[in-house]
Amino acid sequence: MLNLLIILVVIALIAGALGFTGIAAGAATLAKIVFALMLIGIVILLILAFMGVAVIF
């Protein structure tokens, strides 16, 4: 997820610098969504870790 987030941020920055504002806005919106999902996942894993639940991947 972090790789996807970094790629989307880079795309948004490059597209914004080149003047493609629509693409930059879309990539930034997707990056915000991925960031929120990643934060939610981290918080859930931390809560489960503090409760002592073994999470197996």
N, C-alpha and C. Protein backbone atom coordinates (compact mmCIF):
# COMPACT_ATOMS: atom_id res chain seq x y z
N MET A 1 0.82 -1.19 0.00
CA MET A 1 0.00 0.00 0.00
C MET A 1 0.86 1.25 0.00
N LEU A 2 1.97 1.17 0.71
CA LEU A 2 2.85 2.32 0.77
C LEU A 2 3.46 2.60 -0.60
N ASN A 3 3.78 1.53 -1.34
CA ASN A 3 4.31 1.72 -2.70
C ASN A 3 3.29 2.44 -3.58
N LEU A 4 2.03 2.02 -3.50
CA LEU A 4 0.98 2.65 -4.29
C LEU A 4 0.83 4.12 -3.91
N LEU A 5 0.89 4.40 -2.62
CA LEU A 5 0.77 5.77 -2.15
C LEU A 5 1.90 6.64 -2.69
N ILE A 6 3.12 6.14 -2.64
CA ILE A 6 4.26 6.91 -3.14
C ILE A 6 4.15 7.14 -4.65
N ILE A 7 3.73 6.12 -5.38
CA ILE A 7 3.56 6.26 -6.84
C ILE A 7 2.51 7.32 -7.16
N LEU A 8 1.39 7.29 -6.46
CA LEU A 8 0.33 8.26 -6.71
C LEU A 8 0.75 9.69 -6.39
N VAL A 9 1.51 9.85 -5.31
CA VAL A 9 2.00 11.19 -4.96
C VAL A 9 2.97 11.70 -6.01
N VAL A 10 3.85 10.83 -6.49
CA VAL A 10 4.80 11.24 -7.53
C VAL A 10 4.07 11.61 -8.81
N ILE A 11 3.08 10.82 -9.19
CA ILE A 11 2.29 11.13 -10.39
C ILE A 11 1.59 12.47 -10.24
N ALA A 12 1.02 12.71 -9.05
CA ALA A 12 0.32 13.98 -8.82
C ALA A 12 1.28 15.16 -8.91
N LEU A 13 2.48 15.01 -8.34
CA LEU A 13 3.46 16.10 -8.38
C LEU A 13 3.94 16.38 -9.80
N ILE A 14 4.23 15.32 -10.55
CA ILE A 14 4.72 15.51 -11.92
C ILE A 14 3.62 16.08 -12.80
N ALA A 15 2.42 15.55 -12.68
CA ALA A 15 1.31 16.05 -13.49
C ALA A 15 1.00 17.50 -13.15
N GLY A 16 1.07 17.86 -11.89
CA GLY A 16 0.84 19.24 -11.48
C GLY A 16 1.90 20.18 -12.02
N ALA A 17 3.15 19.73 -12.00
CA ALA A 17 4.24 20.55 -12.50
C ALA A 17 4.14 20.75 -14.01
N LEU A 18 3.61 19.77 -14.72
CA LEU A 18 3.48 19.87 -16.17
C LEU A 18 2.19 20.55 -16.60
N GLY A 19 1.31 20.86 -15.66
CA GLY A 19 0.09 21.58 -15.99
C GLY A 19 -1.14 20.72 -16.21
N PHE A 20 -1.01 19.43 -15.99
CA PHE A 20 -2.17 18.55 -16.13
C PHE A 20 -2.93 18.52 -14.80
N THR A 21 -3.70 19.55 -14.56
CA THR A 21 -4.34 19.71 -13.26
C THR A 21 -5.40 18.65 -12.99
N GLY A 22 -6.10 18.21 -14.01
CA GLY A 22 -7.13 17.18 -13.82
C GLY A 22 -6.53 15.86 -13.37
N ILE A 23 -5.44 15.47 -14.03
CA ILE A 23 -4.77 14.23 -13.66
C ILE A 23 -4.15 14.36 -12.28
N ALA A 24 -3.58 15.53 -11.99
CA ALA A 24 -2.96 15.75 -10.68
C ALA A 24 -4.01 15.68 -9.57
N ALA A 25 -5.16 16.26 -9.81
CA ALA A 25 -6.22 16.23 -8.80
C ALA A 25 -6.73 14.80 -8.58
N GLY A 26 -6.87 14.05 -9.65
CA GLY A 26 -7.32 12.66 -9.53
C GLY A 26 -6.32 11.80 -8.78
N ALA A 27 -5.04 11.95 -9.11
CA ALA A 27 -4.01 11.17 -8.43
C ALA A 27 -3.91 11.58 -6.95
N ALA A 28 -4.07 12.86 -6.67
CA ALA A 28 -4.02 13.32 -5.27
C ALA A 28 -5.20 12.78 -4.48
N THR A 29 -6.37 12.73 -5.11
CA THR A 29 -7.55 12.18 -4.44
C THR A 29 -7.37 10.70 -4.14
N LEU A 30 -6.86 9.96 -5.12
CA LEU A 30 -6.61 8.54 -4.89
C LEU A 30 -5.55 8.33 -3.81
N ALA A 31 -4.53 9.20 -3.79
CA ALA A 31 -3.50 9.08 -2.76
C ALA A 31 -4.09 9.32 -1.38
N LYS A 32 -5.02 10.26 -1.26
CA LYS A 32 -5.66 10.52 0.03
C LYS A 32 -6.47 9.31 0.49
N ILE A 33 -7.16 8.68 -0.45
CA ILE A 33 -7.97 7.50 -0.11
C ILE A 33 -7.08 6.35 0.34
N VAL A 34 -6.00 6.10 -0.41
CA VAL A 34 -5.08 5.03 -0.05
C VAL A 34 -4.43 5.31 1.30
N PHE A 35 -4.08 6.57 1.56
CA PHE A 35 -3.48 6.94 2.84
C PHE A 35 -4.45 6.69 3.99
N ALA A 36 -5.72 7.04 3.80
CA ALA A 36 -6.72 6.82 4.85
C ALA A 36 -6.90 5.33 5.11
N LEU A 37 -6.97 4.53 4.06
CA LEU A 37 -7.11 3.08 4.23
C LEU A 37 -5.91 2.48 4.94
N MET A 38 -4.71 2.99 4.60
CA MET A 38 -3.51 2.50 5.25
C MET A 38 -3.51 2.85 6.74
N LEU A 39 -3.91 4.06 7.07
CA LEU A 39 -3.97 4.46 8.48
C LEU A 39 -4.98 3.63 9.25
N ILE A 40 -6.13 3.38 8.66
CA ILE A 40 -7.15 2.55 9.32
C ILE A 40 -6.60 1.15 9.57
N GLY A 41 -5.91 0.59 8.59
CA GLY A 41 -5.32 -0.73 8.76
C GLY A 41 -4.28 -0.78 9.85
N ILE A 42 -3.44 0.25 9.92
CA ILE A 42 -2.42 0.31 10.97
C ILE A 42 -3.05 0.42 12.35
N VAL A 43 -4.08 1.25 12.48
CA VAL A 43 -4.75 1.41 13.77
C VAL A 43 -5.40 0.10 14.20
N ILE A 44 -6.03 -0.59 13.28
CA ILE A 44 -6.66 -1.88 13.61
C ILE A 44 -5.61 -2.89 14.05
N LEU A 45 -4.47 -2.94 13.34
CA LEU A 45 -3.41 -3.87 13.73
C LEU A 45 -2.84 -3.52 15.11
N LEU A 46 -2.68 -2.23 15.40
CA LEU A 46 -2.17 -1.84 16.71
C LEU A 46 -3.15 -2.20 17.83
N ILE A 47 -4.43 -2.00 17.59
CA ILE A 47 -5.43 -2.37 18.59
C ILE A 47 -5.40 -3.87 18.84
N LEU A 48 -5.33 -4.66 17.77
CA LEU A 48 -5.27 -6.11 17.93
C LEU A 48 -3.99 -6.54 18.63
N ALA A 49 -2.88 -5.85 18.37
CA ALA A 49 -1.62 -6.19 19.02
C ALA A 49 -1.69 -5.91 20.51
N PHE A 50 -2.30 -4.79 20.90
CA PHE A 50 -2.41 -4.47 22.31
C PHE A 50 -3.37 -5.42 23.04
N MET A 51 -4.35 -5.96 22.31
CA MET A 51 -5.27 -6.90 22.92
C MET A 51 -4.67 -8.30 23.01
N GLY A 52 -3.57 -8.53 22.34
CA GLY A 52 -2.90 -9.83 22.41
C GLY A 52 -3.39 -10.81 21.38
N VAL A 53 -4.09 -10.34 20.37
CA VAL A 53 -4.58 -11.22 19.31
C VAL A 53 -3.46 -11.45 18.33
N ALA A 54 -3.18 -12.71 18.02
CA ALA A 54 -2.14 -13.04 17.05
C ALA A 54 -2.69 -12.86 15.63
N VAL A 55 -2.06 -11.99 14.90
CA VAL A 55 -2.46 -11.76 13.51
C VAL A 55 -1.48 -12.48 12.61
N ILE A 56 -1.99 -13.42 11.83
CA ILE A 56 -1.14 -14.22 10.95
C ILE A 56 -1.39 -13.77 9.51
N PHE A 57 -0.29 -13.48 8.81
CA PHE A 57 -0.41 -13.05 7.40
C PHE A 57 -0.05 -14.19 6.50
